[in-house]
Amino acid sequence: MSDQRFIIEMGMGNSQYGQDYTKACARAIEDAIRHSSIPMFAALGKDPKEMRVQVTVGVQEPDKVDCAALVAHLPRGKASVKAVFGGMNVTNPDDGNVLVIASAAVEAFLPKME
Protein backbone atom coordinates (compact mmCIF):
# COMPACT_ATOMS: atom_id res chain seq x y z
CA MET A 1 0.00 0.00 0.00
CA SER A 2 1.42 3.40 -0.91
CA ASP A 3 1.11 6.64 0.98
CA GLN A 4 -0.91 9.60 -0.14
CA ARG A 5 0.17 13.16 0.63
CA PHE A 6 -2.62 15.13 2.26
CA ILE A 7 -0.86 18.30 3.38
CA ILE A 8 2.15 20.41 2.48
CA GLU A 9 3.12 23.52 4.40
CA MET A 10 5.97 25.91 3.69
CA GLY A 11 7.88 28.07 6.14
CA MET A 12 10.87 30.37 6.59
CA GLY A 13 13.16 30.87 9.56
CA ASN A 14 16.43 32.55 10.36
CA SER A 15 19.39 32.70 12.67
CA GLN A 16 20.39 36.33 13.03
CA TYR A 17 23.54 35.76 15.07
CA GLY A 18 25.92 32.82 15.25
CA GLN A 19 25.23 31.24 11.85
CA ASP A 20 23.20 28.45 13.47
CA TYR A 21 21.80 26.48 10.54
CA THR A 22 19.86 24.06 12.76
CA LYS A 23 18.19 26.94 14.63
CA ALA A 24 17.21 28.60 11.34
CA CYS A 25 15.74 25.30 10.09
CA ALA A 26 13.87 24.71 13.36
CA ARG A 27 12.30 28.14 13.02
CA ALA A 28 11.36 27.46 9.39
CA ILE A 29 9.69 24.17 10.39
CA GLU A 30 7.86 25.89 13.25
CA ASP A 31 6.69 28.59 10.84
CA ALA A 32 5.37 25.92 8.48
CA ILE A 33 3.37 24.02 11.10
CA ARG A 34 2.46 26.84 13.49
CA HIS A 35 -0.85 27.66 11.85
CA SER A 36 -1.88 24.11 10.95
CA SER A 37 -4.75 22.34 12.60
CA ILE A 38 -5.72 19.00 11.14
CA PRO A 39 -9.11 17.88 12.48
CA MET A 40 -9.39 15.11 9.90
CA PHE A 41 -7.81 12.49 12.17
CA ALA A 42 -10.86 12.45 14.42
CA ALA A 43 -13.20 12.76 11.44
CA LEU A 44 -11.60 9.76 9.70
CA GLY A 45 -11.01 7.72 12.83
CA LYS A 46 -7.24 7.81 12.22
CA ASP A 47 -4.46 7.97 14.78
CA PRO A 48 -1.89 10.76 14.10
CA LYS A 49 0.81 8.14 14.77
CA GLU A 50 -0.08 6.63 11.36
CA MET A 51 1.07 9.82 9.64
CA ARG A 52 4.46 9.93 7.92
CA VAL A 53 6.01 13.40 8.07
CA GLN A 54 8.65 14.27 5.52
CA VAL A 55 10.51 17.56 6.02
CA THR A 56 12.91 19.16 3.56
CA VAL A 57 14.91 22.17 4.72
CA GLY A 58 17.00 24.36 2.44
CA VAL A 59 20.10 26.25 3.59
CA GLN A 60 23.36 27.33 2.04
CA GLU A 61 25.35 24.78 4.08
CA PRO A 62 23.15 21.68 4.50
CA ASP A 63 25.97 19.67 6.12
CA LYS A 64 25.77 22.03 9.14
CA VAL A 65 22.16 21.02 9.93
CA ASP A 66 21.53 18.54 12.75
CA CYS A 67 18.61 16.66 11.15
CA ALA A 68 18.24 14.28 14.11
CA ALA A 69 17.69 17.23 16.47
CA LEU A 70 15.00 18.57 14.13
CA VAL A 71 13.24 15.18 13.99
CA ALA A 72 13.20 15.05 17.79
CA HIS A 73 11.14 18.25 17.93
CA LEU A 74 8.45 17.28 15.44
CA PRO A 75 5.21 16.78 17.36
CA ARG A 76 3.40 14.02 15.44
CA GLY A 77 3.88 11.02 13.22
CA LYS A 78 6.90 9.13 11.95
CA ALA A 79 9.23 11.93 10.88
CA SER A 80 12.27 12.34 8.70
CA VAL A 81 14.23 15.50 7.89
CA LYS A 82 16.49 16.05 4.89
CA ALA A 83 18.71 19.13 4.46
CA VAL A 84 19.37 20.35 0.92
CA PHE A 85 21.08 23.32 -0.67
CA GLY A 86 18.77 26.35 -0.65
CA GLY A 87 17.84 29.29 1.51
CA MET A 88 20.37 32.11 1.63
CA ASN A 89 23.06 33.77 3.67
CA VAL A 90 23.03 37.56 3.90
CA THR A 91 26.10 39.39 5.17
CA ASN A 92 25.79 42.69 6.98
CA PRO A 93 28.41 44.92 5.30
CA ASP A 94 28.84 46.99 8.45
CA ASP A 95 29.92 44.23 10.84
CA GLY A 96 30.31 41.08 8.71
CA ASN A 97 27.57 39.23 10.61
CA VAL A 98 25.99 36.52 8.48
CA LEU A 99 22.21 36.08 8.67
CA VAL A 100 21.18 32.50 7.84
CA ILE A 101 17.79 32.15 6.15
CA ALA A 102 16.26 28.68 5.86
CA SER A 103 13.19 27.44 4.00
CA ALA A 104 11.17 24.36 4.94
CA ALA A 105 8.59 22.15 3.28
CA VAL A 106 6.65 19.93 5.67
CA GLU A 107 4.69 17.15 3.98
CA ALA A 108 2.34 14.73 5.70
CA PHE A 109 1.29 11.37 4.29
CA LEU A 110 -1.20 8.69 5.29
CA PRO A 111 -1.69 5.23 3.84
CA LYS A 112 -4.09 5.32 0.89
CA MET A 113 -7.60 4.66 1.99
CA GLU A 114 -9.41 1.92 0.11
C-alpha atoms as a PDB file:
ATOM      1  CA  MET A   1       0.000   0.000   0.000  1.00  0.00           C
ATOM      2  CA  SER A   2       1.420   3.402  -0.915  1.00  0.00           C
ATOM      3  CA  ASP A   3       1.114   6.637   0.985  1.00  0.00           C
ATOM      4  CA  GLN A   4      -0.910   9.603  -0.145  1.00  0.00           C
ATOM      5  CA  ARG A   5       0.175  13.158   0.625  1.00  0.00           C
ATOM      6  CA  PHE A   6      -2.623  15.127   2.259  1.00  0.00           C
ATOM      7  CA  ILE A   7      -0.859  18.304   3.377  1.00  0.00           C
ATOM      8  CA  ILE A   8       2.152  20.405   2.478  1.00  0.00           C
ATOM      9  CA  GLU A   9       3.118  23.516   4.403  1.00  0.00           C
ATOM     10  CA  MET A  10       5.970  25.913   3.692  1.00  0.00           C
ATOM     11  CA  GLY A  11       7.881  28.074   6.141  1.00  0.00           C
ATOM     12  CA  MET A  12      10.867  30.373   6.586  1.00  0.00           C
ATOM     13  CA  GLY A  13      13.160  30.871   9.559  1.00  0.00           C
ATOM     14  CA  ASN A  14      16.430  32.545  10.357  1.00  0.00           C
ATOM     15  CA  SER A  15      19.389  32.702  12.670  1.00  0.00           C
ATOM     16  CA  GLN A  16      20.392  36.328  13.032  1.00  0.00           C
ATOM     17  CA  TYR A  17      23.542  35.755  15.069  1.00  0.00           C
ATOM     18  CA  GLY A  18      25.918  32.824  15.251  1.00  0.00           C
ATOM     19  CA  GLN A  19      25.226  31.240  11.848  1.00  0.00           C
ATOM     20  CA  ASP A  20      23.204  28.448  13.472  1.00  0.00           C
ATOM     21  CA  TYR A  21      21.802  26.476  10.544  1.00  0.00           C
ATOM     22  CA  THR A  22      19.864  24.062  12.762  1.00  0.00           C
ATOM     23  CA  LYS A  23      18.192  26.940  14.634  1.00  0.00           C
ATOM     24  CA  ALA A  24      17.209  28.603  11.339  1.00  0.00           C
ATOM     25  CA  CYS A  25      15.742  25.298  10.094  1.00  0.00           C
ATOM     26  CA  ALA A  26      13.867  24.709  13.362  1.00  0.00           C
ATOM     27  CA  ARG A  27      12.296  28.145  13.024  1.00  0.00           C
ATOM     28  CA  ALA A  28      11.355  27.456   9.393  1.00  0.00           C
ATOM     29  CA  ILE A  29       9.690  24.172  10.388  1.00  0.00           C
ATOM     30  CA  GLU A  30       7.864  25.888  13.251  1.00  0.00           C
ATOM     31  CA  ASP A  31       6.688  28.585  10.839  1.00  0.00           C
ATOM     32  CA  ALA A  32       5.365  25.917   8.479  1.00  0.00           C
ATOM     33  CA  ILE A  33       3.369  24.021  11.099  1.00  0.00           C
ATOM     34  CA  ARG A  34       2.462  26.838  13.492  1.00  0.00           C
ATOM     35  CA  HIS A  35      -0.852  27.657  11.847  1.00  0.00           C
ATOM     36  CA  SER A  36      -1.880  24.113  10.954  1.00  0.00           C
ATOM     37  CA  SER A  37      -4.747  22.343  12.602  1.00  0.00           C
ATOM     38  CA  ILE A  38      -5.716  19.000  11.138  1.00  0.00           C
ATOM     39  CA  PRO A  39      -9.106  17.877  12.480  1.00  0.00           C
ATOM     40  CA  MET A  40      -9.387  15.109   9.902  1.00  0.00           C
ATOM     41  CA  PHE A  41      -7.809  12.492  12.168  1.00  0.00           C
ATOM     42  CA  ALA A  42     -10.859  12.446  14.423  1.00  0.00           C
ATOM     43  CA  ALA A  43     -13.205  12.760  11.440  1.00  0.00           C
ATOM     44  CA  LEU A  44     -11.598   9.761   9.700  1.00  0.00           C
ATOM     45  CA  GLY A  45     -11.008   7.716  12.834  1.00  0.00           C
ATOM     46  CA  LYS A  46      -7.243   7.806  12.222  1.00  0.00           C
ATOM     47  CA  ASP A  47      -4.458   7.967  14.781  1.00  0.00           C
ATOM     48  CA  PRO A  48      -1.890  10.757  14.103  1.00  0.00           C
ATOM     49  CA  LYS A  49       0.812   8.141  14.766  1.00  0.00           C
ATOM     50  CA  GLU A  50      -0.081   6.631  11.364  1.00  0.00           C
ATOM     51  CA  MET A  51       1.074   9.819   9.638  1.00  0.00           C
ATOM     52  CA  ARG A  52       4.456   9.928   7.916  1.00  0.00           C
ATOM     53  CA  VAL A  53       6.009  13.403   8.073  1.00  0.00           C
ATOM     54  CA  GLN A  54       8.655  14.275   5.519  1.00  0.00           C
ATOM     55  CA  VAL A  55      10.509  17.555   6.019  1.00  0.00           C
ATOM     56  CA  THR A  56      12.910  19.157   3.562  1.00  0.00           C
ATOM     57  CA  VAL A  57      14.908  22.170   4.716  1.00  0.00           C
ATOM     58  CA  GLY A  58      16.999  24.357   2.440  1.00  0.00           C
ATOM     59  CA  VAL A  59      20.100  26.250   3.592  1.00  0.00           C
ATOM     60  CA  GLN A  60      23.359  27.326   2.037  1.00  0.00           C
ATOM     61  CA  GLU A  61      25.352  24.783   4.077  1.00  0.00           C
ATOM     62  CA  PRO A  62      23.155  21.679   4.498  1.00  0.00           C
ATOM     63  CA  ASP A  63      25.971  19.670   6.116  1.00  0.00           C
ATOM     64  CA  LYS A  64      25.771  22.031   9.139  1.00  0.00           C
ATOM     65  CA  VAL A  65      22.157  21.021   9.929  1.00  0.00           C
ATOM     66  CA  ASP A  66      21.527  18.541  12.753  1.00  0.00           C
ATOM     67  CA  CYS A  67      18.613  16.661  11.150  1.00  0.00           C
ATOM     68  CA  ALA A  68      18.236  14.278  14.105  1.00  0.00           C
ATOM     69  CA  ALA A  69      17.688  17.230  16.470  1.00  0.00           C
ATOM     70  CA  LEU A  70      15.001  18.572  14.134  1.00  0.00           C
ATOM     71  CA  VAL A  71      13.237  15.180  13.988  1.00  0.00           C
ATOM     72  CA  ALA A  72      13.204  15.054  17.791  1.00  0.00           C
ATOM     73  CA  HIS A  73      11.138  18.253  17.933  1.00  0.00           C
ATOM     74  CA  LEU A  74       8.448  17.277  15.437  1.00  0.00           C
ATOM     75  CA  PRO A  75       5.207  16.779  17.357  1.00  0.00           C
ATOM     76  CA  ARG A  76       3.404  14.021  15.439  1.00  0.00           C
ATOM     77  CA  GLY A  77       3.876  11.018  13.219  1.00  0.00           C
ATOM     78  CA  LYS A  78       6.902   9.135  11.947  1.00  0.00           C
ATOM     79  CA  ALA A  79       9.228  11.930  10.879  1.00  0.00           C
ATOM     80  CA  SER A  80      12.270  12.344   8.699  1.00  0.00           C
ATOM     81  CA  VAL A  81      14.234  15.497   7.889  1.00  0.00           C
ATOM     82  CA  LYS A  82      16.489  16.048   4.895  1.00  0.00           C
ATOM     83  CA  ALA A  83      18.708  19.135   4.458  1.00  0.00           C
ATOM     84  CA  VAL A  84      19.373  20.345   0.921  1.00  0.00           C
ATOM     85  CA  PHE A  85      21.078  23.322  -0.672  1.00  0.00           C
ATOM     86  CA  GLY A  86      18.772  26.348  -0.649  1.00  0.00           C
ATOM     87  CA  GLY A  87      17.844  29.291   1.506  1.00  0.00           C
ATOM     88  CA  MET A  88      20.368  32.108   1.630  1.00  0.00           C
ATOM     89  CA  ASN A  89      23.058  33.772   3.674  1.00  0.00           C
ATOM     90  CA  VAL A  90      23.030  37.565   3.898  1.00  0.00           C
ATOM     91  CA  THR A  91      26.099  39.389   5.166  1.00  0.00           C
ATOM     92  CA  ASN A  92      25.786  42.694   6.983  1.00  0.00           C
ATOM     93  CA  PRO A  93      28.406  44.920   5.295  1.00  0.00           C
ATOM     94  CA  ASP A  94      28.841  46.988   8.453  1.00  0.00           C
ATOM     95  CA  ASP A  95      29.919  44.231  10.837  1.00  0.00           C
ATOM     96  CA  GLY A  96      30.311  41.082   8.711  1.00  0.00           C
ATOM     97  CA  ASN A  97      27.573  39.231  10.610  1.00  0.00           C
ATOM     98  CA  VAL A  98      25.986  36.522   8.476  1.00  0.00           C
ATOM     99  CA  LEU A  99      22.208  36.084   8.670  1.00  0.00           C
ATOM    100  CA  VAL A 100      21.183  32.501   7.838  1.00  0.00           C
ATOM    101  CA  ILE A 101      17.789  32.153   6.151  1.00  0.00           C
ATOM    102  CA  ALA A 102      16.256  28.680   5.857  1.00  0.00           C
ATOM    103  CA  SER A 103      13.194  27.436   4.004  1.00  0.00           C
ATOM    104  CA  ALA A 104      11.171  24.365   4.937  1.00  0.00           C
ATOM    105  CA  ALA A 105       8.591  22.152   3.280  1.00  0.00           C
ATOM    106  CA  VAL A 106       6.648  19.934   5.673  1.00  0.00           C
ATOM    107  CA  GLU A 107       4.693  17.150   3.981  1.00  0.00           C
ATOM    108  CA  ALA A 108       2.340  14.728   5.699  1.00  0.00           C
ATOM    109  CA  PHE A 109       1.287  11.366   4.292  1.00  0.00           C
ATOM    110  CA  LEU A 110      -1.205   8.688   5.293  1.00  0.00           C
ATOM    111  CA  PRO A 111      -1.688   5.227   3.845  1.00  0.00           C
ATOM    112  CA  LYS A 112      -4.088   5.318   0.893  1.00  0.00           C
ATOM    113  CA  MET A 113      -7.603   4.660   1.986  1.00  0.00           C
ATOM    114  CA  GLU A 114      -9.410   1.919   0.112  1.00  0.00           C
END
